[in-house]
């Protein structure tokens, strides 16, 4: 295949803008995920979740709904300082108007910055053994199999008593499970992580997620998973401190009622 020049355009308020697409395939396609599960998370969105949490590899990482391993793999690539486009090609690489050596120099510079031998505590799990195997294969293709471990486990029965960071993209009740099943899963997971010291970042499109999960998020961020509008629910405050505060408020209220009597 020779040179490909793809033109895109946008029209707003009677003003047309033309764009020359230098990438070709969407930038979310990193090149390591030839296959995926029934409800894949875009690689760019997975990377955005990790970036929003400011995770850089210092804390243990856990994804209990790993699917095809995307969040864990993107986290490993970020921690190892791997450029996201190293495993793919871009349409502009074939354009005669560019010196091909420029592309090669850019790749070599990116490789010089990478730390492929650096290891981190990154674990992904899924209740579906096919997803676990798929995640292992994708991690190998991405070149991060040396620092990512995948295992079969039920997310609602895991041990969350150790410190670290939890990232999750549980079913929304749209492509996997129905809404009632998904909300029961949120409730079960919320009970399992209720007293966990882990910081938690959970993506969901369900407006009732927090009610089902049993906790109000410390912060929320609107994101899109393809065409699905979602919110990233962030829990980073100490839950025990929150419980102590609630207990103190309850004690003060009881004291006031007693004083009035």
C-alpha atoms as a PDB file:
ATOM      1  CA  UNK A   1       0.000   0.000   0.000  1.00  0.00           C
ATOM      2  CA  UNK A   2       1.339   3.391  -0.972  1.00  0.00           C
ATOM      3  CA  UNK A   3       0.868   6.830   0.541  1.00  0.00           C
ATOM      4  CA  UNK A   4      -2.530   7.501   2.077  1.00  0.00           C
ATOM      5  CA  UNK A   5      -3.828  11.037   2.626  1.00  0.00           C
ATOM      6  CA  UNK A   6      -7.046  11.024   4.615  1.00  0.00           C
ATOM      7  CA  UNK A   7      -9.014  14.272   4.746  1.00  0.00           C
ATOM      8  CA  UNK A   8     -11.465  15.056   7.545  1.00  0.00           C
ATOM      9  CA  UNK A   9     -13.652  18.115   7.987  1.00  0.00           C
ATOM     10  CA  UNK A  10     -15.875  19.839  10.502  1.00  0.00           C
ATOM     11  CA  UNK A  11     -18.549  22.503   9.949  1.00  0.00           C
ATOM     12  CA  UNK A  12     -19.680  24.835  12.719  1.00  0.00           C
ATOM     13  CA  UNK A  13     -21.590  28.114  12.373  1.00  0.00           C
ATOM     14  CA  UNK A  14     -21.151  27.997   8.565  1.00  0.00           C
ATOM     15  CA  UNK A  15     -17.384  27.729   8.922  1.00  0.00           C
ATOM     16  CA  UNK A  16     -15.716  24.631   7.476  1.00  0.00           C
ATOM     17  CA  UNK A  17     -12.362  23.345   8.711  1.00  0.00           C
ATOM     18  CA  UNK A  18     -10.300  20.732   6.856  1.00  0.00           C
ATOM     19  CA  UNK A  19      -7.904  18.350   8.592  1.00  0.00           C
ATOM     20  CA  UNK A  20      -5.164  16.153   7.193  1.00  0.00           C
ATOM     21  CA  UNK A  21      -5.093  12.928   9.218  1.00  0.00           C
ATOM     22  CA  UNK A  22      -1.482  11.945   9.927  1.00  0.00           C
ATOM     23  CA  UNK A  23      -2.362   8.964  12.129  1.00  0.00           C
ATOM     24  CA  UNK A  24      -4.626   6.689  10.130  1.00  0.00           C
ATOM     25  CA  UNK A  25      -6.050   4.231  12.661  1.00  0.00           C
ATOM     26  CA  UNK A  26      -7.348   5.930  15.817  1.00  0.00           C
ATOM     27  CA  UNK A  27      -4.697   6.889  18.362  1.00  0.00           C
ATOM     28  CA  UNK A  28      -6.383   4.680  20.955  1.00  0.00           C
ATOM     29  CA  UNK A  29      -5.138   1.685  18.964  1.00  0.00           C
ATOM     30  CA  UNK A  30      -1.730   1.112  20.529  1.00  0.00           C
ATOM     31  CA  UNK A  31      -0.905  -2.050  18.599  1.00  0.00           C
ATOM     32  CA  UNK A  32      -0.917  -4.643  21.400  1.00  0.00           C
ATOM     33  CA  UNK A  33      -4.621  -5.512  21.566  1.00  0.00           C
ATOM     34  CA  UNK A  34      -5.413  -7.598  18.492  1.00  0.00           C
ATOM     35  CA  UNK A  35      -8.265  -9.240  20.410  1.00  0.00           C
ATOM     36  CA  UNK A  36     -10.476  -8.010  23.234  1.00  0.00           C
ATOM     37  CA  UNK A  37     -13.412  -9.093  25.385  1.00  0.00           C
ATOM     38  CA  UNK A  38     -17.077  -8.227  24.802  1.00  0.00           C
ATOM     39  CA  UNK A  39     -16.859  -4.734  26.332  1.00  0.00           C
ATOM     40  CA  UNK A  40     -13.348  -3.370  25.778  1.00  0.00           C
ATOM     41  CA  UNK A  41     -12.178  -0.130  27.332  1.00  0.00           C
ATOM     42  CA  UNK A  42     -10.349   2.204  24.973  1.00  0.00           C
ATOM     43  CA  UNK A  43      -6.635   2.334  25.649  1.00  0.00           C
ATOM     44  CA  UNK A  44      -6.627   6.133  25.767  1.00  0.00           C
ATOM     45  CA  UNK A  45      -9.400   6.146  28.391  1.00  0.00           C
ATOM     46  CA  UNK A  46      -7.554   3.571  30.492  1.00  0.00           C
ATOM     47  CA  UNK A  47      -4.418   5.733  30.361  1.00  0.00           C
ATOM     48  CA  UNK A  48      -6.485   8.804  31.307  1.00  0.00           C
ATOM     49  CA  UNK A  49      -7.795   7.025  34.419  1.00  0.00           C
ATOM     50  CA  UNK A  50      -4.247   6.226  35.525  1.00  0.00           C
ATOM     51  CA  UNK A  51      -3.089   9.783  34.804  1.00  0.00           C
ATOM     52  CA  UNK A  52      -6.003  11.316  36.748  1.00  0.00           C
ATOM     53  CA  UNK A  53      -5.034   9.193  39.746  1.00  0.00           C
ATOM     54  CA  UNK A  54      -1.412  10.347  39.359  1.00  0.00           C
ATOM     55  CA  UNK A  55      -0.237   6.755  39.757  1.00  0.00           C
ATOM     56  CA  UNK A  56       3.432   6.344  38.838  1.00  0.00           C
ATOM     57  CA  UNK A  57       4.239   2.905  40.193  1.00  0.00           C
ATOM     58  CA  UNK A  58       5.040   3.701  43.827  1.00  0.00           C
ATOM     59  CA  UNK A  59       1.927   1.966  45.219  1.00  0.00           C
ATOM     60  CA  UNK A  60       0.596  -1.542  44.531  1.00  0.00           C
ATOM     61  CA  UNK A  61      -1.910  -1.538  41.653  1.00  0.00           C
ATOM     62  CA  UNK A  62      -5.040  -3.712  41.389  1.00  0.00           C
ATOM     63  CA  UNK A  63      -7.706  -4.047  38.695  1.00  0.00           C
ATOM     64  CA  UNK A  64     -10.297  -6.657  39.799  1.00  0.00           C
ATOM     65  CA  UNK A  65     -12.240  -6.442  36.492  1.00  0.00           C
ATOM     66  CA  UNK A  66      -9.287  -6.668  34.097  1.00  0.00           C
ATOM     67  CA  UNK A  67     -11.235  -7.774  30.984  1.00  0.00           C
ATOM     68  CA  UNK A  68      -8.573  -7.705  28.276  1.00  0.00           C
ATOM     69  CA  UNK A  69      -6.004  -6.173  30.655  1.00  0.00           C
ATOM     70  CA  UNK A  70      -6.104  -2.656  29.224  1.00  0.00           C
ATOM     71  CA  UNK A  71      -5.920  -0.577  32.445  1.00  0.00           C
ATOM     72  CA  UNK A  72      -3.124  -2.682  33.959  1.00  0.00           C
ATOM     73  CA  UNK A  73      -1.151  -2.680  30.702  1.00  0.00           C
ATOM     74  CA  UNK A  74      -1.492   1.077  30.237  1.00  0.00           C
ATOM     75  CA  UNK A  75      -0.410   1.584  33.858  1.00  0.00           C
ATOM     76  CA  UNK A  76       2.675  -0.568  33.267  1.00  0.00           C
ATOM     77  CA  UNK A  77       3.530   1.371  30.098  1.00  0.00           C
ATOM     78  CA  UNK A  78       3.224   4.666  31.970  1.00  0.00           C
ATOM     79  CA  UNK A  79       5.362   3.416  34.864  1.00  0.00           C
ATOM     80  CA  UNK A  80       8.019   2.067  32.474  1.00  0.00           C
ATOM     81  CA  UNK A  81       7.892   5.325  30.497  1.00  0.00           C
ATOM     82  CA  UNK A  82       6.981   3.557  27.273  1.00  0.00           C
ATOM     83  CA  UNK A  83       5.681   5.846  24.527  1.00  0.00           C
ATOM     84  CA  UNK A  84       2.131   4.682  23.639  1.00  0.00           C
ATOM     85  CA  UNK A  85       2.743   4.636  19.874  1.00  0.00           C
ATOM     86  CA  UNK A  86       5.909   2.521  19.762  1.00  0.00           C
ATOM     87  CA  UNK A  87       4.078  -0.643  18.686  1.00  0.00           C
ATOM     88  CA  UNK A  88       2.090   0.887  15.826  1.00  0.00           C
ATOM     89  CA  UNK A  89       2.569   2.734  12.551  1.00  0.00           C
ATOM     90  CA  UNK A  90       1.187   6.056  11.357  1.00  0.00           C
ATOM     91  CA  UNK A  91      -0.032   6.955   7.859  1.00  0.00           C
ATOM     92  CA  UNK A  92       2.338   9.934   7.679  1.00  0.00           C
ATOM     93  CA  UNK A  93       5.344   7.587   7.913  1.00  0.00           C
ATOM     94  CA  UNK A  94       4.764   6.765   4.231  1.00  0.00           C
ATOM     95  CA  UNK A  95       4.436  10.356   3.054  1.00  0.00           C
ATOM     96  CA  UNK A  96       7.231  11.363   0.713  1.00  0.00           C
ATOM     97  CA  UNK A  97       7.139  14.930   2.051  1.00  0.00           C
ATOM     98  CA  UNK A  98       8.688  13.692   5.319  1.00  0.00           C
ATOM     99  CA  UNK A  99      12.226  12.469   5.777  1.00  0.00           C
ATOM    100  CA  UNK A 100      11.854   8.861   7.000  1.00  0.00           C
ATOM    101  CA  UNK A 101      14.883   9.287   9.246  1.00  0.00           C
ATOM    102  CA  UNK A 102      12.895  11.772  11.351  1.00  0.00           C
ATOM    103  CA  UNK A 103      10.459   9.021  12.326  1.00  0.00           C
ATOM    104  CA  UNK A 104      13.310   6.672  13.156  1.00  0.00           C
ATOM    105  CA  UNK A 105      15.001   9.300  15.311  1.00  0.00           C
ATOM    106  CA  UNK A 106      11.738   9.925  17.178  1.00  0.00           C
ATOM    107  CA  UNK A 107      11.349   6.202  17.888  1.00  0.00           C
ATOM    108  CA  UNK A 108      14.930   5.890  19.062  1.00  0.00           C
ATOM    109  CA  UNK A 109      14.525   8.892  21.371  1.00  0.00           C
ATOM    110  CA  UNK A 110      11.379   7.328  22.859  1.00  0.00           C
ATOM    111  CA  UNK A 111      13.175   4.004  23.336  1.00  0.00           C
ATOM    112  CA  UNK A 112      16.039   5.756  25.136  1.00  0.00           C
ATOM    113  CA  UNK A 113      13.579   7.154  27.695  1.00  0.00           C
ATOM    114  CA  UNK A 114      11.856   3.805  28.336  1.00  0.00           C
ATOM    115  CA  UNK A 115      12.725   1.619  31.315  1.00  0.00           C
ATOM    116  CA  UNK A 116      11.586  -1.839  30.126  1.00  0.00           C
ATOM    117  CA  UNK A 117      13.354  -3.707  32.934  1.00  0.00           C
ATOM    118  CA  UNK A 118      11.714  -1.698  35.722  1.00  0.00           C
ATOM    119  CA  UNK A 119       9.262  -3.818  37.707  1.00  0.00           C
ATOM    120  CA  UNK A 120       6.159  -2.737  39.588  1.00  0.00           C
ATOM    121  CA  UNK A 121       3.459  -4.376  41.707  1.00  0.00           C
ATOM    122  CA  UNK A 122       0.629  -4.537  39.159  1.00  0.00           C
ATOM    123  CA  UNK A 123      -2.126  -7.155  39.438  1.00  0.00           C
ATOM    124  CA  UNK A 124      -5.219  -7.685  37.306  1.00  0.00           C
ATOM    125  CA  UNK A 125      -7.908 -10.280  37.857  1.00  0.00           C
ATOM    126  CA  UNK A 126     -11.197 -11.399  36.363  1.00  0.00           C
ATOM    127  CA  UNK A 127     -13.792 -14.043  37.149  1.00  0.00           C
ATOM    128  CA  UNK A 128     -13.683 -15.169  33.499  1.00  0.00           C
ATOM    129  CA  UNK A 129     -10.618 -17.372  32.788  1.00  0.00           C
ATOM    130  CA  UNK A 130     -10.773 -16.456  29.070  1.00  0.00           C
ATOM    131  CA  UNK A 131     -10.315 -12.787  29.991  1.00  0.00           C
ATOM    132  CA  UNK A 132      -7.342 -13.661  32.184  1.00  0.00           C
ATOM    133  CA  UNK A 133      -5.672 -15.555  29.326  1.00  0.00           C
ATOM    134  CA  UNK A 134      -6.422 -12.726  26.895  1.00  0.00           C
ATOM    135  CA  UNK A 135      -4.894 -10.193  29.312  1.00  0.00           C
ATOM    136  CA  UNK A 136      -1.735 -12.292  29.618  1.00  0.00           C
ATOM    137  CA  UNK A 137      -1.386 -12.421  25.820  1.00  0.00           C
ATOM    138  CA  UNK A 138      -1.949  -8.667  25.444  1.00  0.00           C
ATOM    139  CA  UNK A 139       0.613  -7.884  28.160  1.00  0.00           C
ATOM    140  CA  UNK A 140       3.132 -10.027  26.314  1.00  0.00           C
ATOM    141  CA  UNK A 141       2.430  -8.190  23.036  1.00  0.00           C
ATOM    142  CA  UNK A 142       2.773  -4.837  24.830  1.00  0.00           C
ATOM    143  CA  UNK A 143       6.138  -5.878  26.262  1.00  0.00           C
ATOM    144  CA  UNK A 144       5.103  -5.497  29.910  1.00  0.00           C
ATOM    145  CA  UNK A 145       4.628  -9.154  30.871  1.00  0.00           C
ATOM    146  CA  UNK A 146       7.615  -8.830  33.216  1.00  0.00           C
ATOM    147  CA  UNK A 147       5.750  -6.508  35.576  1.00  0.00           C
ATOM    148  CA  UNK A 148       2.025  -7.345  35.225  1.00  0.00           C
ATOM    149  CA  UNK A 149       0.432 -10.401  36.841  1.00  0.00           C
ATOM    150  CA  UNK A 150      -3.059 -11.653  35.941  1.00  0.00           C
ATOM    151  CA  UNK A 151      -5.122 -14.181  37.859  1.00  0.00           C
ATOM    152  CA  UNK A 152      -8.651 -15.554  38.067  1.00  0.00           C
ATOM    153  CA  UNK A 153     -10.610 -14.156  41.026  1.00  0.00           C
ATOM    154  CA  UNK A 154     -14.088 -12.970  42.022  1.00  0.00           C
ATOM    155  CA  UNK A 155     -13.860  -9.200  42.547  1.00  0.00           C
ATOM    156  CA  UNK A 156     -16.451  -9.274  45.338  1.00  0.00           C
ATOM    157  CA  UNK A 157     -14.455 -11.833  47.341  1.00  0.00           C
ATOM    158  CA  UNK A 158     -10.938 -10.445  47.030  1.00  0.00           C
ATOM    159  CA  UNK A 159      -8.889  -9.223  49.977  1.00  0.00           C
ATOM    160  CA  UNK A 160      -8.746  -5.421  49.928  1.00  0.00           C
ATOM    161  CA  UNK A 161      -7.105  -4.982  53.331  1.00  0.00           C
ATOM    162  CA  UNK A 162      -3.695  -3.900  52.009  1.00  0.00           C
ATOM    163  CA  UNK A 163      -2.820  -0.360  50.934  1.00  0.00           C
ATOM    164  CA  UNK A 164      -2.545   0.462  47.254  1.00  0.00           C
ATOM    165  CA  UNK A 165      -4.639   1.797  44.387  1.00  0.00           C
ATOM    166  CA  UNK A 166      -7.678   0.088  42.897  1.00  0.00           C
ATOM    167  CA  UNK A 167      -8.754   0.834  39.331  1.00  0.00           C
ATOM    168  CA  UNK A 168     -11.911  -0.748  37.951  1.00  0.00           C
ATOM    169  CA  UNK A 169     -14.206  -0.651  34.949  1.00  0.00           C
ATOM    170  CA  UNK A 170     -17.015  -2.914  36.200  1.00  0.00           C
ATOM    171  CA  UNK A 171     -19.947  -3.876  33.927  1.00  0.00           C
ATOM    172  CA  UNK A 172     -22.405  -1.039  33.235  1.00  0.00           C
ATOM    173  CA  UNK A 173     -25.446  -3.241  32.604  1.00  0.00           C
ATOM    174  CA  UNK A 174     -25.370  -2.347  28.893  1.00  0.00           C
ATOM    175  CA  UNK A 175     -22.984  -4.719  27.078  1.00  0.00           C
ATOM    176  CA  UNK A 176     -22.264  -7.040  30.020  1.00  0.00           C
ATOM    177  CA  UNK A 177     -24.956  -8.106  32.522  1.00  0.00           C
ATOM    178  CA  UNK A 178     -28.266  -6.264  32.850  1.00  0.00           C
ATOM    179  CA  UNK A 179     -28.651  -3.143  34.959  1.00  0.00           C
ATOM    180  CA  UNK A 180     -30.090  -4.985  37.959  1.00  0.00           C
ATOM    181  CA  UNK A 181     -27.196  -7.464  37.962  1.00  0.00           C
ATOM    182  CA  UNK A 182     -24.665  -4.646  37.551  1.00  0.00           C
ATOM    183  CA  UNK A 183     -26.100  -2.687  40.491  1.00  0.00           C
ATOM    184  CA  UNK A 184     -26.026  -5.789  42.696  1.00  0.00           C
ATOM    185  CA  UNK A 185     -22.377  -6.212  41.701  1.00  0.00           C
ATOM    186  CA  UNK A 186     -21.670  -2.587  42.710  1.00  0.00           C
ATOM    187  CA  UNK A 187     -23.283  -3.199  46.106  1.00  0.00           C
ATOM    188  CA  UNK A 188     -21.326  -6.412  46.690  1.00  0.00           C
ATOM    189  CA  UNK A 189     -18.076  -4.710  45.676  1.00  0.00           C
ATOM    190  CA  UNK A 190     -18.851  -1.737  47.917  1.00  0.00           C
ATOM    191  CA  UNK A 191     -19.275  -4.022  50.913  1.00  0.00           C
ATOM    192  CA  UNK A 192     -16.010  -5.810  50.077  1.00  0.00           C
ATOM    193  CA  UNK A 193     -14.027  -2.551  49.868  1.00  0.00           C
ATOM    194  CA  UNK A 194     -15.893  -0.588  52.573  1.00  0.00           C
ATOM    195  CA  UNK A 195     -13.034  -0.450  55.074  1.00  0.00           C
ATOM    196  CA  UNK A 196     -10.201  -0.837  52.591  1.00  0.00           C
ATOM    197  CA  UNK A 197      -7.240   1.553  52.872  1.00  0.00           C
ATOM    198  CA  UNK A 198      -6.888   1.461  49.077  1.00  0.00           C
ATOM    199  CA  UNK A 199      -7.499   4.536  46.972  1.00  0.00           C
ATOM    200  CA  UNK A 200     -10.238   3.638  44.511  1.00  0.00           C
ATOM    201  CA  UNK A 201     -11.026   4.820  40.977  1.00  0.00           C
ATOM    202  CA  UNK A 202     -14.141   3.246  39.474  1.00  0.00           C
ATOM    203  CA  UNK A 203     -15.697   4.015  36.096  1.00  0.00           C
ATOM    204  CA  UNK A 204     -19.448   3.653  35.590  1.00  0.00           C
ATOM    205  CA  UNK A 205     -22.267   5.029  33.449  1.00  0.00           C
ATOM    206  CA  UNK A 206     -24.914   4.288  36.101  1.00  0.00           C
ATOM    207  CA  UNK A 207     -26.176   7.507  37.773  1.00  0.00           C
ATOM    208  CA  UNK A 208     -27.046   5.406  40.843  1.00  0.00           C
ATOM    209  CA  UNK A 209     -23.550   3.945  41.184  1.00  0.00           C
ATOM    210  CA  UNK A 210     -22.696   5.725  44.440  1.00  0.00           C
ATOM    211  CA  UNK A 211     -25.987   4.727  46.072  1.00  0.00           C
ATOM    212  CA  UNK A 212     -25.376   1.082  45.117  1.00  0.00           C
ATOM    213  CA  UNK A 213     -21.711   1.210  46.104  1.00  0.00           C
ATOM    214  CA  UNK A 214     -22.650   2.606  49.497  1.00  0.00           C
ATOM    215  CA  UNK A 215     -20.300   5.582  49.482  1.00  0.00           C
ATOM    216  CA  UNK A 216     -20.303   9.054  48.003  1.00  0.00           C
ATOM    217  CA  UNK A 217     -17.219   9.689  45.896  1.00  0.00           C
ATOM    218  CA  UNK A 218     -14.658  12.190  47.127  1.00  0.00           C
ATOM    219  CA  UNK A 219     -14.496  13.500  43.578  1.00  0.00           C
ATOM    220  CA  UNK A 220     -16.021  12.693  40.190  1.00  0.00           C
ATOM    221  CA  UNK A 221     -14.823  13.270  36.653  1.00  0.00           C
ATOM    222  CA  UNK A 222     -16.977  12.987  33.510  1.00  0.00           C
ATOM    223  CA  UNK A 223     -15.462  10.767  30.818  1.00  0.00           C
ATOM    224  CA  UNK A 224     -16.693   9.004  27.683  1.00  0.00           C
ATOM    225  CA  UNK A 225     -16.169   5.310  26.985  1.00  0.00           C
ATOM    226  CA  UNK A 226     -16.771   5.423  23.249  1.00  0.00           C
ATOM    227  CA  UNK A 227     -20.260   6.941  23.000  1.00  0.00           C
ATOM    228  CA  UNK A 228     -21.181   6.001  26.570  1.00  0.00           C
ATOM    229  CA  UNK A 229     -21.169   8.904  29.032  1.00  0.00           C
ATOM    230  CA  UNK A 230     -19.483   7.790  32.258  1.00  0.00           C
ATOM    231  CA  UNK A 231     -18.151   9.167  35.510  1.00  0.00           C
ATOM    232  CA  UNK A 232     -14.898   8.256  37.169  1.00  0.00           C
ATOM    233  CA  UNK A 233     -15.708   7.919  40.877  1.00  0.00           C
ATOM    234  CA  UNK A 234     -12.643   8.746  42.945  1.00  0.00           C
ATOM    235  CA  UNK A 235     -12.226   7.614  46.554  1.00  0.00           C
ATOM    236  CA  UNK A 236      -8.952   8.782  48.065  1.00  0.00           C
ATOM    237  CA  UNK A 237      -9.846   9.906  51.589  1.00  0.00           C
ATOM    238  CA  UNK A 238      -9.326   7.610  54.581  1.00  0.00           C
ATOM    239  CA  UNK A 239     -12.702   5.844  55.103  1.00  0.00           C
ATOM    240  CA  UNK A 240     -11.942   5.232  58.781  1.00  0.00           C
ATOM    241  CA  UNK A 241     -11.451   8.983  59.307  1.00  0.00           C
ATOM    242  CA  UNK A 242     -14.782   9.604  57.619  1.00  0.00           C
ATOM    243  CA  UNK A 243     -16.466   7.045  59.850  1.00  0.00           C
ATOM    244  CA  UNK A 244     -14.912   8.661  62.944  1.00  0.00           C
ATOM    245  CA  UNK A 245     -16.254  12.028  61.815  1.00  0.00           C
ATOM    246  CA  UNK A 246     -19.734  10.583  61.343  1.00  0.00           C
ATOM    247  CA  UNK A 247     -19.600   8.949  64.758  1.00  0.00           C
ATOM    248  CA  UNK A 248     -18.547  12.234  66.419  1.00  0.00           C
ATOM    249  CA  UNK A 249     -21.398  14.057  64.677  1.00  0.00           C
ATOM    250  CA  UNK A 250     -23.800  11.354  65.843  1.00  0.00           C
ATOM    251  CA  UNK A 251     -22.462  11.611  69.412  1.00  0.00           C
ATOM    252  CA  UNK A 252     -22.869  15.411  69.426  1.00  0.00           C
ATOM    253  CA  UNK A 253     -26.426  15.096  68.118  1.00  0.00           C
ATOM    254  CA  UNK A 254     -27.261  12.541  70.820  1.00  0.00           C
ATOM    255  CA  UNK A 255     -25.763  14.801  73.497  1.00  0.00           C
ATOM    256  CA  UNK A 256     -27.835  17.758  72.307  1.00  0.00           C
ATOM    257  CA  UNK A 257     -31.031  15.687  72.375  1.00  0.00           C
ATOM    258  CA  UNK A 258     -30.195  14.484  75.912  1.00  0.00           C
ATOM    259  CA  UNK A 259     -29.501  18.059  77.071  1.00  0.00           C
ATOM    260  CA  UNK A 260     -32.864  19.229  75.742  1.00  0.00           C
ATOM    261  CA  UNK A 261     -34.608  16.520  77.693  1.00  0.00           C
END
